[in-house]
Amino acid sequence: MFEDLLRAAAAKAIEMAVNEGHLIKEDGIILKPATINLVNEIEEMNRQHLIDMALANNDRELFMQLTN
């Protein structure tokens, strides 16, 4: 019984944090906004690296795909 109460309280706390923007729930996964920002930064760094590689290798097709 106490376990059920604890689970309900935890679920409500998570729901409140999501509603207030402290957590983001996406596809059933709960993440902090900072985690999403970090992933976005890593993706952008990878994209920039690929652009640099395309330029260094004179790969116009790849460059155009990455910059459009």
C-alpha atoms as a PDB file:
ATOM      1  CA  MET A   1       0.000   0.000   0.000  1.00  0.00           C
ATOM      2  CA  PHE A   2       2.788   2.418   0.902  1.00  0.00           C
ATOM      3  CA  GLU A   3       4.533   1.427  -2.335  1.00  0.00           C
ATOM      4  CA  ASP A   4       1.435   2.371  -4.349  1.00  0.00           C
ATOM      5  CA  LEU A   5       1.259   5.730  -2.594  1.00  0.00           C
ATOM      6  CA  LEU A   6       4.941   6.339  -3.289  1.00  0.00           C
ATOM      7  CA  ARG A   7       4.533   5.447  -6.982  1.00  0.00           C
ATOM      8  CA  ALA A   8       1.514   7.728  -7.305  1.00  0.00           C
ATOM      9  CA  ALA A   9       3.419  10.603  -5.677  1.00  0.00           C
ATOM     10  CA  ALA A  10       6.401  10.036  -7.976  1.00  0.00           C
ATOM     11  CA  ALA A  11       4.149   9.940 -11.041  1.00  0.00           C
ATOM     12  CA  LYS A  12       2.463  13.186  -9.975  1.00  0.00           C
ATOM     13  CA  ALA A  13       5.831  14.844  -9.331  1.00  0.00           C
ATOM     14  CA  ILE A  14       7.042  13.837 -12.794  1.00  0.00           C
ATOM     15  CA  GLU A  15       3.787  15.075 -14.360  1.00  0.00           C
ATOM     16  CA  MET A  16       4.163  18.427 -12.607  1.00  0.00           C
ATOM     17  CA  ALA A  17       7.810  18.755 -13.668  1.00  0.00           C
ATOM     18  CA  VAL A  18       6.833  18.042 -17.287  1.00  0.00           C
ATOM     19  CA  ASN A  19       3.984  20.568 -17.147  1.00  0.00           C
ATOM     20  CA  GLU A  20       6.296  23.228 -15.701  1.00  0.00           C
ATOM     21  CA  GLY A  21       8.994  22.577 -18.305  1.00  0.00           C
ATOM     22  CA  HIS A  22      11.596  21.158 -15.931  1.00  0.00           C
ATOM     23  CA  LEU A  23      11.434  17.797 -17.703  1.00  0.00           C
ATOM     24  CA  ILE A  24      10.470  16.795 -21.222  1.00  0.00           C
ATOM     25  CA  LYS A  25       8.598  13.599 -21.956  1.00  0.00           C
ATOM     26  CA  GLU A  26       9.109  12.336 -25.485  1.00  0.00           C
ATOM     27  CA  ASP A  27       8.083   8.895 -26.702  1.00  0.00           C
ATOM     28  CA  GLY A  28       7.709   7.736 -23.107  1.00  0.00           C
ATOM     29  CA  ILE A  29      11.230   8.850 -22.182  1.00  0.00           C
ATOM     30  CA  ILE A  30      11.744  11.593 -19.611  1.00  0.00           C
ATOM     31  CA  LEU A  31      14.651  13.950 -20.288  1.00  0.00           C
ATOM     32  CA  LYS A  32      15.993  17.177 -18.892  1.00  0.00           C
ATOM     33  CA  PRO A  33      15.986  20.068 -21.370  1.00  0.00           C
ATOM     34  CA  ALA A  34      19.759  20.342 -20.884  1.00  0.00           C
ATOM     35  CA  THR A  35      20.134  16.795 -22.228  1.00  0.00           C
ATOM     36  CA  ILE A  36      18.186  17.676 -25.356  1.00  0.00           C
ATOM     37  CA  ASN A  37      20.269  20.828 -25.806  1.00  0.00           C
ATOM     38  CA  LEU A  38      23.464  18.793 -25.476  1.00  0.00           C
ATOM     39  CA  VAL A  39      22.296  16.301 -28.097  1.00  0.00           C
ATOM     40  CA  ASN A  40      21.412  19.159 -30.440  1.00  0.00           C
ATOM     41  CA  GLU A  41      24.864  20.700 -29.941  1.00  0.00           C
ATOM     42  CA  ILE A  42      26.564  17.372 -30.676  1.00  0.00           C
ATOM     43  CA  GLU A  43      24.471  16.915 -33.820  1.00  0.00           C
ATOM     44  CA  GLU A  44      25.422  20.401 -35.000  1.00  0.00           C
ATOM     45  CA  MET A  45      29.112  19.750 -34.291  1.00  0.00           C
ATOM     46  CA  ASN A  46      28.909  16.540 -36.320  1.00  0.00           C
ATOM     47  CA  ARG A  47      27.182  18.376 -39.160  1.00  0.00           C
ATOM     48  CA  GLN A  48      29.848  21.074 -39.150  1.00  0.00           C
ATOM     49  CA  HIS A  49      32.557  18.413 -39.188  1.00  0.00           C
ATOM     50  CA  LEU A  50      30.941  16.733 -42.199  1.00  0.00           C
ATOM     51  CA  ILE A  51      30.710  20.087 -43.974  1.00  0.00           C
ATOM     52  CA  ASP A  52      34.413  20.674 -43.314  1.00  0.00           C
ATOM     53  CA  MET A  53      35.237  17.197 -44.613  1.00  0.00           C
ATOM     54  CA  ALA A  54      33.132  17.769 -47.736  1.00  0.00           C
ATOM     55  CA  LEU A  55      34.960  21.027 -48.391  1.00  0.00           C
ATOM     56  CA  ALA A  56      38.362  19.449 -47.798  1.00  0.00           C
ATOM     57  CA  ASN A  57      37.547  16.603 -50.194  1.00  0.00           C
ATOM     58  CA  ASN A  58      35.861  18.816 -52.810  1.00  0.00           C
ATOM     59  CA  ASP A  59      32.660  16.793 -52.379  1.00  0.00           C
ATOM     60  CA  ARG A  60      30.162  19.288 -53.759  1.00  0.00           C
ATOM     61  CA  GLU A  61      27.224  16.872 -53.575  1.00  0.00           C
ATOM     62  CA  LEU A  62      27.703  16.142 -49.868  1.00  0.00           C
ATOM     63  CA  PHE A  63      28.296  19.824 -49.150  1.00  0.00           C
ATOM     64  CA  MET A  64      25.037  20.759 -50.884  1.00  0.00           C
ATOM     65  CA  GLN A  65      23.103  18.084 -48.970  1.00  0.00           C
ATOM     66  CA  LEU A  66      24.438  19.301 -45.645  1.00  0.00           C
ATOM     67  CA  THR A  67      23.896  23.006 -46.256  1.00  0.00           C
ATOM     68  CA  ASN A  68      20.351  22.837 -47.663  1.00  0.00           C
END
